[in-house]
Protein backbone atom coordinates (compact mmCIF):
# COMPACT_ATOMS: atom_id res chain seq x y z
CA UNK A 1 48.86 108.98 138.26
CA UNK A 2 49.64 107.03 141.66
CA UNK A 3 52.74 104.46 140.56
CA UNK A 4 52.92 101.89 143.64
CA UNK A 5 51.45 101.51 146.72
CA UNK A 6 53.45 99.20 148.82
CA UNK A 7 55.29 96.12 148.61
CA UNK A 8 52.99 93.06 146.54
CA UNK A 9 55.61 90.24 147.74
CA UNK A 10 58.83 88.80 147.49
CA UNK A 11 59.50 86.09 145.97
CA UNK A 12 63.33 84.27 145.80
CA UNK A 13 64.82 81.93 144.84
CA UNK A 14 65.77 78.69 146.66
CA UNK A 15 67.77 74.87 146.79
CA UNK A 16 65.13 73.22 148.63
CA UNK A 17 62.34 75.85 149.21
CA UNK A 18 60.02 74.03 151.65
CA UNK A 19 63.42 73.24 153.64
CA UNK A 20 64.04 77.12 154.04
CA UNK A 21 60.20 77.36 154.25
CA UNK A 22 60.66 75.27 157.36
CA UNK A 23 63.57 76.93 158.67
CA UNK A 24 62.42 79.83 158.01
CA UNK A 25 58.77 79.42 159.96
CA UNK A 26 61.60 77.40 163.28
CA UNK A 27 63.68 80.39 163.84
CA UNK A 28 61.79 83.37 163.34
CA UNK A 29 58.84 82.67 163.53
CA UNK A 30 57.52 83.48 159.54
CA UNK A 31 54.47 81.80 159.37
CA UNK A 32 54.44 79.96 156.61
CA UNK A 33 51.94 78.20 155.26
CA UNK A 34 51.34 75.20 153.20
CA UNK A 35 51.25 76.53 149.55
CA UNK A 36 54.99 77.83 150.14
CA UNK A 37 54.52 80.56 151.82
CA UNK A 38 53.77 82.98 154.23
CA UNK A 39 51.39 86.34 153.67
CA UNK A 40 51.70 89.45 156.56
CA UNK A 41 48.30 91.35 156.87
CA UNK A 42 48.87 94.84 157.99
CA UNK A 43 47.39 98.28 157.61
CA UNK A 44 48.22 102.23 157.33
CA UNK A 45 46.48 105.82 157.19
CA UNK A 46 45.30 105.29 154.05
CA UNK A 47 44.01 101.21 154.56
CA UNK A 48 43.32 101.68 158.82
CA UNK A 49 41.73 98.00 158.61
CA UNK A 50 44.10 96.60 157.12
CA UNK A 51 43.09 94.23 154.00
CA UNK A 52 46.39 94.48 152.10
CA UNK A 53 49.57 92.35 152.72
CA UNK A 54 52.22 90.61 151.74
CA UNK A 55 53.64 87.97 150.72
CA UNK A 56 56.99 85.76 151.07
CA UNK A 57 56.91 82.60 148.80
CA UNK A 58 60.42 80.86 148.60
CA UNK A 59 60.55 79.79 144.42
CA UNK A 60 62.09 76.03 143.34
CA UNK A 61 65.83 77.08 142.35
CA UNK A 62 65.54 76.30 137.93
CA UNK A 63 62.24 78.49 138.54
CA UNK A 64 61.25 80.12 134.87
CA UNK A 65 59.32 82.48 136.90
CA UNK A 66 61.99 85.57 136.75
CA UNK A 67 62.93 85.26 133.36
CA UNK A 68 64.50 87.12 131.62
CA UNK A 69 66.23 88.46 134.67
CA UNK A 70 68.76 86.15 135.89
CA UNK A 71 68.91 87.17 138.91
CA UNK A 72 68.14 85.78 142.01
CA UNK A 73 64.38 87.17 143.43
CA UNK A 74 61.80 89.42 142.40
CA UNK A 75 59.95 91.69 144.17
CA UNK A 76 56.21 92.40 143.10
CA UNK A 77 54.78 95.97 144.11
CA UNK A 78 51.53 96.91 144.67
CA UNK A 79 49.96 99.14 142.34
CA UNK A 80 46.24 100.98 142.17
CA UNK A 81 45.46 100.94 138.05
CA UNK A 82 47.77 98.10 136.86
CA UNK A 83 47.06 98.90 132.82
CA UNK A 84 48.03 102.79 133.21
CA UNK A 85 51.41 102.84 134.27
CA UNK A 86 52.29 99.36 132.22
CA UNK A 87 51.42 102.18 129.96
CA UNK A 88 52.98 104.79 131.81
CA UNK A 89 56.08 102.50 131.69
CA UNK A 90 56.29 101.71 127.61
CA UNK A 91 55.34 105.66 126.95
CA UNK A 92 58.61 106.13 128.98
CA UNK A 93 60.86 103.67 127.22
CA UNK A 94 60.47 100.73 129.95
CA UNK A 95 61.01 97.11 128.44
CA UNK A 96 57.48 95.93 130.03
CA UNK A 97 56.32 92.49 129.20
CA UNK A 98 52.68 92.14 126.69
CA UNK A 99 50.95 89.74 128.90
CA UNK A 100 49.64 90.55 132.26
CA UNK A 101 47.18 88.37 133.47
CA UNK A 102 43.97 88.42 135.77
CA UNK A 103 42.83 85.75 137.13
CA UNK A 104 40.74 86.09 141.01
CA UNK A 105 44.08 87.36 143.17
CA UNK A 106 43.91 90.58 141.40
CA UNK A 107 45.69 91.64 137.88
CA UNK A 108 50.03 91.25 137.12
CA UNK A 109 52.16 93.10 134.79
CA UNK A 110 56.17 92.80 135.01
CA UNK A 111 58.88 95.26 134.26
CA UNK A 112 62.58 94.27 134.02
CA UNK A 113 64.29 97.45 135.42
CA UNK A 114 67.87 99.03 133.86
CA UNK A 115 69.34 96.35 135.91
CA UNK A 116 68.33 93.07 134.19
CA UNK A 117 65.71 93.39 137.04
CA UNK A 118 62.22 91.47 136.29
CA UNK A 119 59.72 92.86 139.13
CA UNK A 120 55.94 91.61 138.88
CA UNK A 121 53.48 94.74 139.47
CA UNK A 122 50.22 93.31 141.12
CA UNK A 123 46.70 95.41 141.20
CA UNK A 124 45.00 93.28 143.85
CA UNK A 125 41.01 93.21 143.40
CA UNK A 126 38.59 94.79 144.71
CA UNK A 127 38.03 95.85 148.28
CA UNK A 128 41.52 94.02 149.47
């Protein structure tokens, strides 16, 4: 089974996400959108049309989205078969959240690494 196929996103806490986004836009040219983050399109040998993206998104400093981790960041990993991977991780003794979220943006699941860092697993919708 193929596991992680790429980085789906980098999420991190900020005291002022809007101001930080503006700083990155001004100084590094990141195309920060009205929703507060940016999406980098990419392609490669397995994806010559470049339909994949990596999200970059500052979150409010007091976000609970990264819980139970106390880290100031969370990485989103792109996967081919979320449900199969979650089952494999559980069988391997990894701390995996029970919930799975499905939306028009894809299917999401979460787990925690041995250092206590929560990470997000994302299966994009078909064709993405």
